[in-house]
Amino acid sequence: MRKTMTALTLTALFASASVVSATAVAQQQQQQQGQAQAQQEQMMQQQQDIELTDGMLESFVVAMNNVQEISNKYSERFQSAEDAEEAQEIQRKAQEEMVAAVNDSGLSPQEYNAIVQRVQQDEELRARLQEMTE
């Protein structure tokens, strides 16, 4: 295949174009990952900035208990789903009920998720919630 100088030149050009293209794709992926990481860090900082009142924590405990009940209710149905479509439908229904339960407790899903993350990271907050649930 490489009998002529033209073929070699074209091969070299194509190879270098592929390397440039792969490099551009890699750079773009790194930029996207960096942006996603920056957004995640910003969101985590916003979650850390939420001042947790006793009322919010009481609402969280109610929401958490309701979300756990819903999760238990749908768990067996999800595991016994006959196919992926049925599993997705069960999951969708469970999520809808969970969001409604969180909203009914007086928290937004974002506040609920922020508290979950804080509880996972803050040992004192975990202890405080444990006292509230006892």
Protein backbone atom coordinates (compact mmCIF):
# COMPACT_ATOMS: atom_id res chain seq x y z
CA MET A 1 0.00 0.00 0.00
CA ARG A 2 2.81 2.33 0.76
CA LYS A 3 4.45 2.05 -2.64
CA THR A 4 4.50 5.69 -3.47
CA MET A 5 5.60 8.80 -1.68
CA THR A 6 2.11 10.23 -2.07
CA ALA A 7 0.58 7.37 -0.18
CA LEU A 8 3.11 7.86 2.63
CA THR A 9 2.44 11.57 2.73
CA LEU A 10 -1.32 11.08 2.84
CA THR A 11 -0.95 8.46 5.55
CA ALA A 12 1.23 10.79 7.62
CA LEU A 13 -1.20 13.67 7.16
CA PHE A 14 -4.16 11.49 8.09
CA ALA A 15 -2.35 10.15 11.14
CA SER A 16 -1.40 13.63 12.33
CA ALA A 17 -4.96 14.84 11.73
CA SER A 18 -6.23 11.93 13.82
CA VAL A 19 -3.81 12.78 16.61
CA VAL A 20 -4.87 16.45 16.48
CA SER A 21 -8.49 15.38 16.44
CA ALA A 22 -8.00 12.99 19.37
CA THR A 23 -6.12 15.70 21.27
CA ALA A 24 -8.94 18.18 20.64
CA VAL A 25 -11.51 15.66 21.85
CA ALA A 26 -9.44 14.92 24.96
CA GLN A 27 -9.08 18.63 25.70
CA GLN A 28 -12.81 19.16 25.23
CA GLN A 29 -13.57 16.27 27.58
CA GLN A 30 -11.18 17.67 30.18
CA GLN A 31 -12.86 21.08 29.92
CA GLN A 32 -16.30 19.52 30.32
CA GLN A 33 -15.14 17.50 33.31
CA GLY A 34 -13.61 20.61 34.83
CA GLN A 35 -16.82 22.56 34.31
CA ALA A 36 -18.91 19.74 35.79
CA GLN A 37 -16.59 19.54 38.78
CA ALA A 38 -16.76 23.31 39.28
CA GLN A 39 -20.57 23.20 39.12
CA GLN A 40 -20.65 20.35 41.61
CA GLU A 41 -18.33 22.21 43.99
CA GLN A 42 -20.48 25.33 43.67
CA MET A 43 -23.63 23.32 44.38
CA MET A 44 -21.98 21.68 47.39
CA GLN A 45 -20.95 25.11 48.69
CA GLN A 46 -24.52 26.36 48.28
CA GLN A 47 -25.75 23.31 50.17
CA GLN A 48 -23.26 24.01 52.94
CA ASP A 49 -24.51 27.61 53.11
CA ILE A 50 -28.09 26.58 53.94
CA GLU A 51 -28.77 27.38 57.57
CA LEU A 52 -30.46 24.43 59.15
CA THR A 53 -33.08 25.36 61.69
CA ASP A 54 -34.74 22.95 64.11
CA GLY A 55 -37.91 23.31 62.02
CA MET A 56 -36.09 22.27 58.86
CA LEU A 57 -34.57 19.30 60.63
CA GLU A 58 -37.96 18.25 62.00
CA SER A 59 -39.39 18.50 58.49
CA PHE A 60 -36.44 16.50 57.24
CA VAL A 61 -37.07 13.71 59.75
CA VAL A 62 -40.72 13.51 58.64
CA ALA A 63 -39.71 13.54 54.97
CA MET A 64 -36.97 10.98 55.54
CA ASN A 65 -39.39 8.57 57.24
CA ASN A 66 -41.94 8.99 54.45
CA VAL A 67 -39.30 8.53 51.74
CA GLN A 68 -38.11 5.34 53.49
CA GLU A 69 -41.68 3.99 53.62
CA ILE A 70 -42.16 4.70 49.92
CA SER A 71 -38.82 3.09 49.12
CA ASN A 72 -39.82 -0.04 51.05
CA LYS A 73 -43.23 -0.08 49.35
CA TYR A 74 -41.72 -0.10 45.86
CA SER A 75 -38.57 -2.13 46.52
CA GLU A 76 -40.12 -5.57 46.06
CA ARG A 77 -42.11 -4.43 43.02
CA PHE A 78 -38.94 -3.03 41.48
CA GLN A 79 -36.96 -6.21 42.08
CA SER A 80 -39.68 -8.41 40.62
CA ALA A 81 -40.20 -6.28 37.50
CA GLU A 82 -40.42 -8.40 34.39
CA ASP A 83 -38.42 -6.05 32.17
CA ALA A 84 -36.51 -2.78 32.12
CA GLU A 85 -39.54 -0.77 31.03
CA GLU A 86 -41.60 -1.99 33.97
CA ALA A 87 -38.69 -1.30 36.34
CA GLN A 88 -38.38 2.25 35.00
CA GLU A 89 -42.12 2.84 35.44
CA ILE A 90 -42.00 1.57 39.02
CA GLN A 91 -38.98 3.77 39.70
CA ARG A 92 -40.74 6.79 38.17
CA LYS A 93 -43.82 6.26 40.36
CA ALA A 94 -41.68 5.85 43.47
CA GLN A 95 -39.75 9.04 42.69
CA GLU A 96 -42.96 10.98 42.14
CA GLU A 97 -44.30 9.83 45.51
CA MET A 98 -40.99 10.63 47.20
CA VAL A 99 -40.92 14.15 45.76
CA ALA A 100 -44.53 14.67 46.88
CA ALA A 101 -43.66 13.39 50.38
CA VAL A 102 -40.71 15.77 50.62
CA ASN A 103 -42.83 18.69 49.40
CA ASP A 104 -45.62 17.76 51.85
CA SER A 105 -43.10 17.92 54.70
CA GLY A 106 -42.41 21.56 53.89
CA LEU A 107 -39.04 21.08 52.19
CA SER A 108 -38.09 21.33 48.56
CA PRO A 109 -36.30 18.35 47.02
CA GLN A 110 -33.18 20.54 46.77
CA GLU A 111 -33.32 21.34 50.49
CA TYR A 112 -33.90 17.67 51.32
CA ASN A 113 -30.92 16.60 49.18
CA ALA A 114 -28.76 19.34 50.69
CA ILE A 115 -29.57 18.11 54.18
CA VAL A 116 -28.82 14.51 53.17
CA GLN A 117 -25.41 15.59 51.90
CA ARG A 118 -24.71 17.63 55.03
CA VAL A 119 -25.71 14.73 57.27
CA GLN A 120 -23.31 12.46 55.40
CA GLN A 121 -20.45 14.91 55.93
CA ASP A 122 -21.21 16.38 59.37
CA GLU A 123 -20.93 14.07 62.36
CA GLU A 124 -22.44 16.63 64.76
CA LEU A 125 -25.47 17.05 62.51
CA ARG A 126 -25.88 13.26 62.35
CA ALA A 127 -25.85 13.11 66.15
CA ARG A 128 -28.35 15.96 66.33
CA LEU A 129 -30.71 14.17 63.94
CA GLN A 130 -30.30 10.92 65.82
CA GLU A 131 -31.37 12.67 69.03
CA MET A 132 -34.40 14.08 67.24
CA THR A 133 -35.50 10.66 66.02
CA GLU A 134 -35.21 8.96 69.39
